[in-house]
Structure formats: structure tokens, C-alpha cells
């Protein structure tokens, strides 16, 4: 029996919460089990950038996402920032892939230095130490030398840095189209099939 694919998605306080929320939705549709971590700052950003009214408590937020994305029972699990007994906190139980989307420069710094002061930072540290897949989606402009140094350091550790920089060659007609472009790239890297954005040159086959 094939084990269900599992992915950790962390949403931090950078602008671009729509990317992380759409990624969760797409993973659920692809029958992936998703562990979700939402920072306190992310709650503020989501309330600012969207009309969503998300509960703060992990159990209530699990129910909220499950209903919103019509997930199966147990398919989405929201974890508290200090839930140190959760699977993502240990290499023996953590998913093979983690995406921090969007990734604030503060989270970028903490992950690059192994701070592990909360579960998001610890989960990313676990992925790095276990040589698993870590995708970071920073959203900042411009980048300082500090940000770039952290990105280089994490790339050298094996992480994938995927800035939230949507392309325009697919002729986007809406903000949703631009969000989908980036989420499609994340899904491609995660090995999850997607049909939102055609692969470059696919129309020539």
C-alpha cells in the first residue's frame, strides 16, 4: 500500500499570504496530507490582505481549513507554534517536503542560522538536517546583502529558494493567474501534478 504523500506548509508574516493559501488548496485537491503552520504575524497579514476571518487556535483553524478546502478528515492538521511533540518537530516523523510560503526575511534569517525558536523554524531545521526537500518562497523588495547571504547559505545547504516573482509569458489576466503561476512552480518541485500553468514549450509537442 502506497503511503500518502505528506507536505508541511508554513505561512509566515511576509506579504503574499495568497500563495501559501492557494498551495494548501492545491495540495488538498491532489490528495496530499498537509501539516500547516501559521505564524502570529501571518495571521495579521492574512487579515490585511484577504477577507478571511481565520481563528487563531490550531484546532479551530484545522476545522476552518478542512471545511474551506473540502478536505478529508485528518488530511489537514494545523500545528501550534510550540507543538514540540508534532511529527514535523522530529526527523523520525517529519514529511519529506516543506514549503515556507511566503517566507519573511525574519524566518529566512532564523532558518539560515538554525534558531529553532518556534515550530516553523524547528521544522525547517529538521528538513535541512535530514537532507530532505525545503522550498522557501521569500517575498521582499529590494533584497539586502543580509537577505542574499542567507539565501546563498540555504541554497548551499540544499534548500530551494523560489522568490515570489511570477512570470508573464503565460499572459496573466488576473492576480489569481499570477498566484497560480508561482503555486504551479512549487507543485512541480514537489512532484505534484498540476494543470494550472502549462510547462514551457509543451504546446510544441
N, C-alpha and C. Protein backbone atom coordinates (compact mmCIF):
# COMPACT_ATOMS: atom_id res chain seq x y z
N UNK A 1 0.86 -1.19 0.00
CA UNK A 1 0.00 0.00 0.00
C UNK A 1 0.89 1.24 0.00
N UNK A 2 0.67 2.16 -0.94
CA UNK A 2 1.48 3.36 -1.06
C UNK A 2 1.11 4.35 0.04
N UNK A 3 2.14 4.85 0.74
CA UNK A 3 1.89 5.83 1.80
C UNK A 3 1.48 7.16 1.19
N UNK A 4 0.50 7.83 1.81
CA UNK A 4 0.03 9.11 1.32
C UNK A 4 1.16 10.14 1.39
N UNK A 5 1.32 10.92 0.33
CA UNK A 5 2.33 11.97 0.30
C UNK A 5 2.00 13.00 1.38
N UNK A 6 3.03 13.48 2.08
CA UNK A 6 2.83 14.47 3.15
C UNK A 6 3.74 15.67 2.90
N UNK A 7 3.19 16.86 3.12
CA UNK A 7 3.94 18.09 2.93
C UNK A 7 3.64 19.03 4.09
N UNK A 8 4.67 19.70 4.59
CA UNK A 8 4.48 20.76 5.59
C UNK A 8 4.45 22.10 4.87
N UNK A 9 3.43 22.90 5.15
CA UNK A 9 3.34 24.25 4.60
C UNK A 9 3.33 25.25 5.75
N UNK A 10 4.31 26.14 5.75
CA UNK A 10 4.38 27.18 6.77
C UNK A 10 4.12 28.53 6.12
N UNK A 11 3.24 29.31 6.72
CA UNK A 11 2.93 30.65 6.25
C UNK A 11 3.46 31.64 7.28
N UNK A 12 4.40 32.50 6.87
CA UNK A 12 4.97 33.48 7.80
C UNK A 12 4.47 34.88 7.45
N UNK A 13 5.03 35.89 8.09
CA UNK A 13 4.46 37.23 8.02
C UNK A 13 4.84 38.10 6.85
N UNK A 14 5.41 37.53 5.79
CA UNK A 14 5.67 38.34 4.60
C UNK A 14 4.37 38.58 3.84
N UNK A 15 4.37 39.61 2.99
CA UNK A 15 3.22 39.81 2.11
C UNK A 15 3.15 38.64 1.13
N UNK A 16 1.94 38.32 0.70
CA UNK A 16 1.77 37.22 -0.25
C UNK A 16 1.16 35.98 0.37
N UNK A 17 0.33 36.16 1.38
CA UNK A 17 -0.33 35.02 2.02
C UNK A 17 -1.14 34.20 1.02
N UNK A 18 -1.60 34.85 -0.06
CA UNK A 18 -2.40 34.16 -1.06
C UNK A 18 -1.65 32.97 -1.67
N UNK A 19 -0.34 33.09 -1.80
CA UNK A 19 0.45 31.99 -2.34
C UNK A 19 0.35 30.74 -1.45
N UNK A 20 0.55 30.94 -0.16
CA UNK A 20 0.51 29.81 0.77
C UNK A 20 -0.87 29.19 0.87
N UNK A 21 -1.90 30.03 0.90
CA UNK A 21 -3.27 29.53 1.00
C UNK A 21 -3.66 28.74 -0.25
N UNK A 22 -3.27 29.24 -1.41
CA UNK A 22 -3.58 28.53 -2.65
C UNK A 22 -2.81 27.21 -2.74
N UNK A 23 -1.57 27.21 -2.24
CA UNK A 23 -0.79 25.97 -2.23
C UNK A 23 -1.48 24.91 -1.39
N UNK A 24 -1.97 25.28 -0.21
CA UNK A 24 -2.69 24.33 0.64
C UNK A 24 -3.89 23.77 -0.10
N UNK A 25 -4.64 24.65 -0.75
CA UNK A 25 -5.83 24.22 -1.50
C UNK A 25 -5.46 23.20 -2.58
N UNK A 26 -4.39 23.48 -3.32
CA UNK A 26 -3.98 22.59 -4.41
C UNK A 26 -3.48 21.25 -3.89
N UNK A 27 -2.75 21.28 -2.79
CA UNK A 27 -2.25 20.03 -2.21
C UNK A 27 -3.40 19.16 -1.73
N UNK A 28 -4.41 19.78 -1.15
CA UNK A 28 -5.58 19.03 -0.69
C UNK A 28 -6.27 18.37 -1.88
N UNK A 29 -6.44 19.11 -2.98
CA UNK A 29 -7.09 18.56 -4.17
C UNK A 29 -6.29 17.40 -4.76
N UNK A 30 -4.95 17.42 -4.53
CA UNK A 30 -4.09 16.35 -5.04
C UNK A 30 -3.99 15.18 -4.07
N UNK A 31 -4.81 15.19 -3.01
CA UNK A 31 -4.86 14.12 -2.01
C UNK A 31 -3.56 14.01 -1.22
N UNK A 32 -2.93 15.15 -0.97
CA UNK A 32 -1.73 15.20 -0.14
C UNK A 32 -2.15 15.53 1.29
N UNK A 33 -1.51 14.88 2.25
CA UNK A 33 -1.74 15.24 3.65
C UNK A 33 -0.88 16.45 3.97
N UNK A 34 -1.50 17.46 4.58
CA UNK A 34 -0.80 18.72 4.79
C UNK A 34 -0.74 19.09 6.27
N UNK A 35 0.48 19.32 6.74
CA UNK A 35 0.67 19.91 8.07
C UNK A 35 0.84 21.41 7.85
N UNK A 36 0.06 22.21 8.54
CA UNK A 36 0.06 23.65 8.33
C UNK A 36 0.55 24.38 9.58
N UNK A 37 1.46 25.32 9.37
CA UNK A 37 1.95 26.16 10.45
C UNK A 37 1.75 27.62 10.04
N UNK A 38 1.11 28.39 10.89
CA UNK A 38 0.81 29.79 10.58
C UNK A 38 1.36 30.65 11.71
N UNK A 39 2.30 31.54 11.39
CA UNK A 39 2.88 32.39 12.42
C UNK A 39 1.89 33.46 12.87
N UNK A 40 2.17 34.05 14.01
CA UNK A 40 1.30 35.12 14.53
C UNK A 40 1.27 36.29 13.55
N UNK A 41 2.44 36.62 13.00
CA UNK A 41 2.50 37.72 12.03
C UNK A 41 1.71 37.38 10.77
N UNK A 42 1.70 36.11 10.39
CA UNK A 42 0.96 35.70 9.20
C UNK A 42 -0.54 35.94 9.39
N UNK A 43 -1.04 35.70 10.60
CA UNK A 43 -2.45 35.97 10.87
C UNK A 43 -2.77 37.44 10.61
N UNK A 44 -1.86 38.32 11.01
CA UNK A 44 -2.06 39.76 10.79
C UNK A 44 -2.07 40.08 9.31
N UNK A 45 -1.12 39.50 8.57
CA UNK A 45 -1.02 39.75 7.13
C UNK A 45 -2.25 39.22 6.40
N UNK A 46 -2.69 38.01 6.76
CA UNK A 46 -3.86 37.41 6.11
C UNK A 46 -5.10 38.28 6.33
N UNK A 47 -5.24 38.81 7.54
CA UNK A 47 -6.38 39.67 7.84
C UNK A 47 -6.30 40.98 7.05
N UNK A 48 -5.08 41.41 6.73
CA UNK A 48 -4.86 42.65 5.98
C UNK A 48 -5.05 42.45 4.48
N UNK A 49 -4.54 41.33 3.96
CA UNK A 49 -4.51 41.10 2.52
C UNK A 49 -5.74 40.37 1.98
N UNK A 50 -6.51 39.76 2.85
CA UNK A 50 -7.68 39.00 2.40
C UNK A 50 -8.89 39.35 3.27
N UNK A 51 -10.01 38.80 2.90
CA UNK A 51 -11.23 39.00 3.69
C UNK A 51 -11.50 37.82 4.61
N UNK A 52 -10.53 36.91 4.71
CA UNK A 52 -10.71 35.72 5.54
C UNK A 52 -10.69 36.08 7.02
N UNK A 53 -11.54 35.42 7.77
CA UNK A 53 -11.59 35.58 9.23
C UNK A 53 -11.15 34.25 9.84
N UNK A 54 -9.86 34.08 10.03
CA UNK A 54 -9.32 32.80 10.47
C UNK A 54 -9.17 32.75 11.98
N UNK A 55 -9.59 31.66 12.60
CA UNK A 55 -9.40 31.52 14.05
C UNK A 55 -7.93 31.36 14.39
N UNK A 56 -7.56 31.73 15.59
CA UNK A 56 -6.16 31.70 15.99
C UNK A 56 -5.73 30.33 16.51
N UNK A 57 -6.65 29.61 17.16
CA UNK A 57 -6.30 28.34 17.77
C UNK A 57 -6.13 27.25 16.72
N UNK A 58 -5.15 26.38 16.94
CA UNK A 58 -4.80 25.35 15.95
C UNK A 58 -5.97 24.42 15.64
N UNK A 59 -6.67 23.96 16.65
CA UNK A 59 -7.77 23.01 16.41
C UNK A 59 -8.89 23.67 15.60
N UNK A 60 -9.22 24.91 15.95
CA UNK A 60 -10.27 25.62 15.23
C UNK A 60 -9.83 25.93 13.80
N UNK A 61 -8.55 26.25 13.62
CA UNK A 61 -8.05 26.55 12.28
C UNK A 61 -8.00 25.28 11.43
N UNK A 62 -7.74 24.14 12.05
CA UNK A 62 -7.80 22.87 11.32
C UNK A 62 -9.20 22.65 10.77
N UNK A 63 -10.20 22.87 11.59
CA UNK A 63 -11.60 22.71 11.14
C UNK A 63 -11.92 23.73 10.04
N UNK A 64 -11.43 24.95 10.20
CA UNK A 64 -11.69 26.01 9.22
C UNK A 64 -11.13 25.63 7.85
N UNK A 65 -9.87 25.22 7.81
CA UNK A 65 -9.25 24.85 6.54
C UNK A 65 -9.90 23.59 5.95
N UNK A 66 -10.23 22.65 6.81
CA UNK A 66 -10.86 21.41 6.34
C UNK A 66 -12.18 21.71 5.64
N UNK A 67 -12.97 22.59 6.22
CA UNK A 67 -14.25 22.96 5.61
C UNK A 67 -14.04 23.83 4.37
N UNK A 68 -13.12 24.78 4.44
CA UNK A 68 -12.90 25.70 3.33
C UNK A 68 -12.43 24.97 2.08
N UNK A 69 -11.51 24.01 2.26
CA UNK A 69 -10.93 23.32 1.12
C UNK A 69 -11.53 21.93 0.90
N UNK A 70 -12.61 21.63 1.64
CA UNK A 70 -13.33 20.36 1.49
C UNK A 70 -12.36 19.18 1.58
N UNK A 71 -11.51 19.25 2.58
CA UNK A 71 -10.51 18.20 2.80
C UNK A 71 -11.14 17.00 3.49
N UNK A 72 -10.49 15.87 3.34
CA UNK A 72 -10.92 14.67 4.05
C UNK A 72 -10.58 14.82 5.53
N UNK A 73 -11.27 14.05 6.36
CA UNK A 73 -10.97 14.07 7.79
C UNK A 73 -9.51 13.70 8.01
N UNK A 74 -8.79 14.54 8.73
CA UNK A 74 -7.40 14.26 9.04
C UNK A 74 -6.42 14.64 7.96
N UNK A 75 -6.92 15.16 6.82
CA UNK A 75 -6.00 15.49 5.73
C UNK A 75 -5.21 16.76 6.02
N UNK A 76 -5.82 17.70 6.74
CA UNK A 76 -5.15 18.93 7.14
C UNK A 76 -4.99 18.94 8.65
N UNK A 77 -3.78 19.21 9.11
CA UNK A 77 -3.53 19.37 10.54
C UNK A 77 -2.77 20.66 10.77
N UNK A 78 -3.41 21.59 11.46
CA UNK A 78 -2.73 22.84 11.82
C UNK A 78 -2.05 22.64 13.16
N UNK A 79 -0.78 23.02 13.22
CA UNK A 79 0.02 22.82 14.43
C UNK A 79 0.32 24.15 15.11
N UNK A 80 0.31 24.16 16.44
CA UNK A 80 0.64 25.35 17.19
C UNK A 80 2.13 25.65 17.14
N UNK A 81 2.51 26.89 17.41
CA UNK A 81 3.90 27.30 17.24
C UNK A 81 4.86 26.63 18.22
N UNK A 82 4.33 26.01 19.27
CA UNK A 82 5.18 25.31 20.24
C UNK A 82 4.73 23.87 20.45
N UNK A 83 4.19 23.28 19.40
CA UNK A 83 3.74 21.88 19.47
C UNK A 83 4.94 20.98 19.20
N UNK A 84 5.82 20.88 20.18
CA UNK A 84 7.09 20.18 20.01
C UNK A 84 6.94 18.67 19.88
N UNK A 85 5.75 18.13 20.18
CA UNK A 85 5.52 16.70 20.05
C UNK A 85 4.92 16.32 18.69
N UNK A 86 4.77 17.29 17.80
CA UNK A 86 4.19 17.02 16.48
C UNK A 86 5.21 16.32 15.58
N UNK A 87 4.74 15.64 14.53
CA UNK A 87 5.65 14.92 13.63
C UNK A 87 6.71 15.81 13.00
N UNK A 88 6.37 17.07 12.70
CA UNK A 88 7.31 17.94 11.99
C UNK A 88 8.50 18.35 12.85
N UNK A 89 8.42 18.11 14.15
CA UNK A 89 9.49 18.53 15.05
C UNK A 89 10.62 17.52 15.14
N UNK A 90 10.47 16.36 14.50
CA UNK A 90 11.49 15.33 14.61
C UNK A 90 11.75 14.68 13.26
N UNK A 91 13.01 14.35 13.01
CA UNK A 91 13.38 13.71 11.77
C UNK A 91 12.72 12.36 11.57
N UNK A 92 12.32 11.70 12.65
CA UNK A 92 11.73 10.36 12.53
C UNK A 92 10.29 10.40 12.06
N UNK A 93 9.65 11.58 12.11
CA UNK A 93 8.24 11.64 11.75
C UNK A 93 7.88 12.72 10.76
N UNK A 94 8.85 13.56 10.42
CA UNK A 94 8.55 14.71 9.56
C UNK A 94 8.30 14.31 8.12
N UNK A 95 7.45 15.08 7.40
CA UNK A 95 7.25 14.85 5.97
C UNK A 95 8.55 15.02 5.19
N UNK A 96 8.60 14.49 3.99
CA UNK A 96 9.81 14.59 3.18
C UNK A 96 9.99 15.96 2.56
N UNK A 97 8.92 16.77 2.55
CA UNK A 97 8.98 18.09 1.92
C UNK A 97 8.35 19.15 2.81
N UNK A 98 8.92 20.36 2.75
CA UNK A 98 8.37 21.51 3.47
C UNK A 98 8.49 22.73 2.59
N UNK A 99 7.44 23.55 2.59
CA UNK A 99 7.43 24.81 1.85
C UNK A 99 7.11 25.93 2.84
N UNK A 100 7.95 26.95 2.89
CA UNK A 100 7.67 28.14 3.68
C UNK A 100 7.22 29.21 2.70
N UNK A 101 5.92 29.53 2.72
CA UNK A 101 5.33 30.33 1.65
C UNK A 101 4.18 31.20 2.19
N UNK A 102 4.35 32.51 2.20
CA UNK A 102 5.58 33.23 1.91
C UNK A 102 6.56 33.12 3.06
N UNK A 103 7.82 33.35 2.75
CA UNK A 103 8.88 33.29 3.77
C UNK A 103 9.37 34.70 4.06
N UNK A 104 9.12 35.17 5.26
CA UNK A 104 9.60 36.50 5.63
C UNK A 104 11.12 36.49 5.75
N UNK A 105 11.73 37.65 5.67
CA UNK A 105 13.18 37.70 5.81
C UNK A 105 13.61 37.35 7.24
N UNK A 106 12.70 37.56 8.19
CA UNK A 106 13.00 37.14 9.56
C UNK A 106 13.05 35.64 9.67
N UNK A 107 12.08 34.96 9.05
CA UNK A 107 12.09 33.49 9.04
C UNK A 107 13.29 32.98 8.26
N UNK A 108 13.61 33.64 7.16
CA UNK A 108 14.78 33.27 6.36
C UNK A 108 16.05 33.29 7.21
N UNK A 109 16.20 34.36 7.98
CA UNK A 109 17.37 34.51 8.85
C UNK A 109 17.41 33.42 9.91
N UNK A 110 16.27 33.17 10.55
CA UNK A 110 16.20 32.18 11.63
C UNK A 110 16.51 30.78 11.11
N UNK A 111 15.99 30.46 9.94
CA UNK A 111 16.23 29.14 9.35
C UNK A 111 17.70 29.00 8.97
N UNK A 112 18.27 30.06 8.40
CA UNK A 112 19.67 30.02 7.96
C UNK A 112 20.63 29.84 9.13
N UNK A 113 20.24 30.32 10.30
CA UNK A 113 21.12 30.25 11.47
C UNK A 113 20.73 29.16 12.45
N UNK A 114 19.69 28.38 12.12
CA UNK A 114 19.29 27.28 12.98
C UNK A 114 18.71 27.70 14.31
N UNK A 115 18.01 28.83 14.34
CA UNK A 115 17.50 29.36 15.61
C UNK A 115 16.53 28.41 16.31
N UNK A 116 15.58 27.86 15.57
CA UNK A 116 14.60 26.90 16.12
C UNK A 116 13.88 27.43 17.35
N UNK A 117 13.48 28.70 17.31
CA UNK A 117 12.76 29.29 18.44
C UNK A 117 11.26 29.01 18.41
N UNK A 118 10.75 28.49 17.30
CA UNK A 118 9.35 28.11 17.22
C UNK A 118 9.25 26.90 16.28
N UNK A 119 8.05 26.37 16.11
CA UNK A 119 7.91 25.13 15.36
C UNK A 119 8.20 25.30 13.88
N UNK A 120 7.92 26.47 13.31
CA UNK A 120 8.25 26.70 11.91
C UNK A 120 9.76 26.59 11.70
N UNK A 121 10.51 27.26 12.56
CA UNK A 121 11.97 27.23 12.45
C UNK A 121 12.52 25.84 12.73
N UNK A 122 11.96 25.15 13.70
CA UNK A 122 12.41 23.80 14.03
C UNK A 122 12.10 22.83 12.89
N UNK A 123 10.90 22.93 12.32
CA UNK A 123 10.52 22.04 11.23
C UNK A 123 11.47 22.21 10.04
N UNK A 124 11.81 23.46 9.72
CA UNK A 124 12.74 23.72 8.63
C UNK A 124 14.12 23.17 8.97
N UNK A 125 14.54 23.31 10.21
CA UNK A 125 15.83 22.78 10.65
C UNK A 125 15.88 21.26 10.51
N UNK A 126 14.76 20.61 10.85
CA UNK A 126 14.66 19.15 10.71
C UNK A 126 14.83 18.75 9.25
N UNK A 127 14.13 19.46 8.35
CA UNK A 127 14.22 19.14 6.92
C UNK A 127 15.66 19.27 6.43
N UNK A 128 16.34 20.32 6.87
CA UNK A 128 17.73 20.51 6.44
C UNK A 128 18.65 19.43 6.99
N UNK A 129 18.51 19.14 8.27
CA UNK A 129 19.43 18.17 8.87
C UNK A 129 19.20 16.76 8.35
N UNK A 130 17.97 16.47 7.93
CA UNK A 130 17.64 15.15 7.39
C UNK A 130 17.85 15.07 5.88
N UNK A 131 18.36 16.17 5.29
CA UNK A 131 18.63 16.23 3.85
C UNK A 131 17.37 15.97 3.03
N UNK A 132 16.28 16.59 3.46
CA UNK A 132 15.02 16.48 2.74
C UNK A 132 14.76 17.76 1.95
N UNK A 133 13.58 17.88 1.37
CA UNK A 133 13.28 18.99 0.47
C UNK A 133 12.71 20.19 1.23
N UNK A 134 13.39 21.32 1.11
CA UNK A 134 12.93 22.57 1.72
C UNK A 134 12.84 23.63 0.62
N UNK A 135 11.64 24.17 0.43
CA UNK A 135 11.41 25.24 -0.53
C UNK A 135 11.03 26.50 0.24
N UNK A 136 11.76 27.58 -0.01
CA UNK A 136 11.50 28.85 0.65
C UNK A 136 11.06 29.86 -0.40
N UNK A 137 9.95 30.53 -0.13
CA UNK A 137 9.38 31.49 -1.08
C UNK A 137 9.42 32.89 -0.47
N UNK A 138 10.58 33.56 -0.52
CA UNK A 138 10.68 34.90 0.07
C UNK A 138 9.91 35.92 -0.75
N UNK A 139 9.36 36.91 -0.07
CA UNK A 139 8.64 38.00 -0.74
C UNK A 139 9.10 39.30 -0.09
N UNK A 140 10.06 39.93 -0.72
CA UNK A 140 10.63 41.19 -0.22
C UNK A 140 11.22 41.93 -1.41
N UNK A 141 11.31 43.23 -1.33
CA UNK A 141 11.94 44.00 -2.41
C UNK A 141 12.31 45.39 -1.89
N UNK A 142 13.55 45.79 -2.08
CA UNK A 142 14.67 45.01 -2.64
C UNK A 142 15.25 44.09 -1.57
N UNK A 143 16.12 43.19 -1.98
CA UNK A 143 16.83 42.34 -1.04
C UNK A 143 18.11 43.03 -0.61
N UNK A 144 18.39 42.96 0.69
CA UNK A 144 19.65 43.50 1.19
C UNK A 144 20.73 42.42 1.08
N UNK A 145 21.97 42.82 1.32
CA UNK A 145 23.07 41.85 1.31
C UNK A 145 22.84 40.76 2.35
N UNK A 146 22.22 41.12 3.48
CA UNK A 146 21.93 40.13 4.53
C UNK A 146 20.98 39.06 3.99
N UNK A 147 19.90 39.51 3.32
CA UNK A 147 18.93 38.56 2.77
C UNK A 147 19.60 37.64 1.74
N UNK A 148 20.40 38.24 0.87
CA UNK A 148 21.05 37.47 -0.19
C UNK A 148 22.06 36.48 0.38
N UNK A 149 22.77 36.88 1.43
CA UNK A 149 23.72 35.96 2.07
C UNK A 149 22.99 34.78 2.69
N UNK A 150 21.85 35.03 3.31
CA UNK A 150 21.07 33.94 3.90
C UNK A 150 20.54 33.01 2.82
N UNK A 151 20.10 33.57 1.71
CA UNK A 151 19.60 32.73 0.61
C UNK A 151 20.71 31.88 0.02
N UNK A 152 21.90 32.47 -0.14
CA UNK A 152 23.03 31.70 -0.66
C UNK A 152 23.40 30.58 0.31
N UNK A 153 23.43 30.90 1.59
CA UNK A 153 23.77 29.90 2.61
C UNK A 153 22.78 28.74 2.58
N UNK A 154 21.50 29.05 2.49
CA UNK A 154 20.48 27.99 2.49
C UNK A 154 20.52 27.19 1.20
N UNK A 155 20.80 27.85 0.08
CA UNK A 155 20.95 27.13 -1.18
C UNK A 155 22.10 26.13 -1.09
N UNK A 156 23.19 26.55 -0.48
CA UNK A 156 24.35 25.66 -0.32
C UNK A 156 24.05 24.50 0.61
N UNK A 157 23.05 24.67 1.49
CA UNK A 157 22.62 23.58 2.38
C UNK A 157 21.67 22.61 1.68
N UNK A 158 21.20 22.99 0.48
CA UNK A 158 20.30 22.12 -0.26
C UNK A 158 18.89 22.63 -0.39
N UNK A 159 18.58 23.78 0.22
CA UNK A 159 17.23 24.34 0.09
C UNK A 159 17.04 24.95 -1.29
N UNK A 160 15.80 25.07 -1.71
CA UNK A 160 15.45 25.73 -2.97
C UNK A 160 14.86 27.10 -2.64
N UNK A 161 15.48 28.14 -3.17
CA UNK A 161 14.97 29.49 -2.97
C UNK A 161 14.14 29.85 -4.19
N UNK A 162 12.85 30.10 -3.98
CA UNK A 162 11.92 30.38 -5.07
C UNK A 162 11.19 31.69 -4.78
N UNK A 163 11.83 32.83 -5.07
CA UNK A 163 11.18 34.12 -4.77
C UNK A 163 9.82 34.23 -5.43
N UNK A 164 8.92 34.92 -4.76
CA UNK A 164 7.57 35.11 -5.30
C UNK A 164 7.63 36.12 -6.43
N UNK A 165 8.15 35.66 -7.57
CA UNK A 165 8.32 36.51 -8.76
C UNK A 165 7.62 35.87 -9.95
N UNK A 166 6.31 36.03 -10.06
CA UNK A 166 5.57 35.37 -11.13
C UNK A 166 6.02 35.84 -12.51
N UNK A 167 6.01 34.90 -13.46
CA UNK A 167 6.33 35.24 -14.84
C UNK A 167 5.11 35.79 -15.56
N UNK A 168 5.33 36.31 -16.76
CA UNK A 168 4.24 36.90 -17.52
C UNK A 168 4.10 36.29 -18.91
N UNK A 169 4.92 35.27 -19.20
CA UNK A 169 4.85 34.68 -20.54
C UNK A 169 3.57 33.88 -20.77
N UNK A 170 2.82 33.59 -19.70
CA UNK A 170 1.54 32.89 -19.87
C UNK A 170 0.37 33.88 -19.98
N UNK A 171 0.71 35.18 -20.11
CA UNK A 171 -0.30 36.23 -20.32
C UNK A 171 -1.36 36.26 -19.22
N UNK A 172 -0.95 36.50 -17.97
CA UNK A 172 -1.91 36.51 -16.87
C UNK A 172 -2.96 37.60 -17.04
N UNK A 173 -4.19 37.26 -16.68
CA UNK A 173 -5.31 38.19 -16.80
C UNK A 173 -5.81 38.67 -15.44
N UNK A 174 -5.27 38.11 -14.38
CA UNK A 174 -5.75 38.47 -13.04
C UNK A 174 -4.67 38.21 -12.00
N UNK A 175 -4.90 38.69 -10.80
CA UNK A 175 -3.99 38.40 -9.69
C UNK A 175 -3.95 36.89 -9.44
N UNK A 176 -5.11 36.24 -9.55
CA UNK A 176 -5.16 34.79 -9.35
C UNK A 176 -4.26 34.06 -10.33
N UNK A 177 -4.19 34.55 -11.55
CA UNK A 177 -3.31 33.92 -12.54
C UNK A 177 -1.86 34.00 -12.12
N UNK A 178 -1.47 35.14 -11.54
CA UNK A 178 -0.08 35.31 -11.10
C UNK A 178 0.21 34.45 -9.87
N UNK A 179 -0.77 34.34 -8.98
CA UNK A 179 -0.62 33.45 -7.82
C UNK A 179 -0.48 32.01 -8.30
N UNK A 180 -1.32 31.61 -9.23
CA UNK A 180 -1.28 30.25 -9.75
C UNK A 180 0.05 29.92 -10.42
N UNK A 181 0.66 30.91 -11.07
CA UNK A 181 1.96 30.69 -11.71
C UNK A 181 2.98 30.22 -10.67
N UNK A 182 3.05 30.92 -9.56
CA UNK A 182 4.03 30.56 -8.53
C UNK A 182 3.68 29.24 -7.86
N UNK A 183 2.40 29.03 -7.57
CA UNK A 183 1.99 27.79 -6.93
C UNK A 183 2.25 26.60 -7.85
N UNK A 184 2.04 26.79 -9.14
CA UNK A 184 2.34 25.72 -10.10
C UNK A 184 3.81 25.34 -10.06
N UNK A 185 4.69 26.33 -9.94
CA UNK A 185 6.13 26.06 -9.86
C UNK A 185 6.46 25.27 -8.59
N UNK A 186 5.80 25.63 -7.49
CA UNK A 186 6.01 24.88 -6.24
C UNK A 186 5.55 23.44 -6.38
N UNK A 187 4.37 23.26 -6.97
CA UNK A 187 3.84 21.90 -7.15
C UNK A 187 4.76 21.08 -8.05
N UNK A 188 5.31 21.70 -9.09
CA UNK A 188 6.25 21.00 -9.97
C UNK A 188 7.44 20.48 -9.17
N UNK A 189 7.97 21.32 -8.29
CA UNK A 189 9.13 20.91 -7.49
C UNK A 189 8.77 19.84 -6.47
N UNK A 190 7.53 19.87 -6.00
CA UNK A 190 7.08 18.88 -5.02
C UNK A 190 6.70 17.55 -5.68
N UNK A 191 6.68 17.54 -7.00
CA UNK A 191 6.29 16.31 -7.71
C UNK A 191 4.79 16.06 -7.66
N UNK A 192 4.02 17.14 -7.53
CA UNK A 192 2.56 17.04 -7.50
C UNK A 192 2.02 17.54 -8.84
N UNK A 193 1.23 16.72 -9.51
CA UNK A 193 0.72 17.07 -10.83
C UNK A 193 -0.16 18.31 -10.76
N UNK A 194 0.02 19.20 -11.74
CA UNK A 194 -0.79 20.41 -11.79
C UNK A 194 -1.09 20.75 -13.24
N UNK A 195 -2.24 21.40 -13.46
CA UNK A 195 -2.64 21.79 -14.81
C UNK A 195 -2.90 23.30 -14.89
N UNK A 196 -2.51 24.04 -13.87
CA UNK A 196 -2.79 25.47 -13.84
C UNK A 196 -1.95 26.23 -14.86
N UNK A 197 -0.69 25.83 -15.00
CA UNK A 197 0.22 26.52 -15.92
C UNK A 197 0.93 25.46 -16.75
N UNK A 198 0.83 25.58 -18.07
CA UNK A 198 1.49 24.62 -18.95
C UNK A 198 3.00 24.78 -18.88
N UNK A 199 3.71 23.68 -19.00
CA UNK A 199 5.17 23.73 -18.99
C UNK A 199 5.67 24.38 -20.27
N UNK A 200 6.77 25.07 -20.15
CA UNK A 200 7.32 25.83 -21.27
C UNK A 200 7.58 24.89 -22.46
N UNK A 201 7.07 25.30 -23.63
CA UNK A 201 7.28 24.53 -24.84
C UNK A 201 6.34 23.36 -25.03
N UNK A 202 5.43 23.15 -24.09
CA UNK A 202 4.53 21.98 -24.17
C UNK A 202 3.58 22.09 -25.37
N UNK A 203 3.30 23.31 -25.82
CA UNK A 203 2.39 23.48 -26.95
C UNK A 203 3.03 23.13 -28.28
N UNK A 204 4.34 22.81 -28.25
CA UNK A 204 5.05 22.50 -29.50
C UNK A 204 5.17 20.99 -29.72
N UNK A 205 4.67 20.19 -28.74
CA UNK A 205 4.77 18.74 -28.85
C UNK A 205 3.58 18.15 -29.60
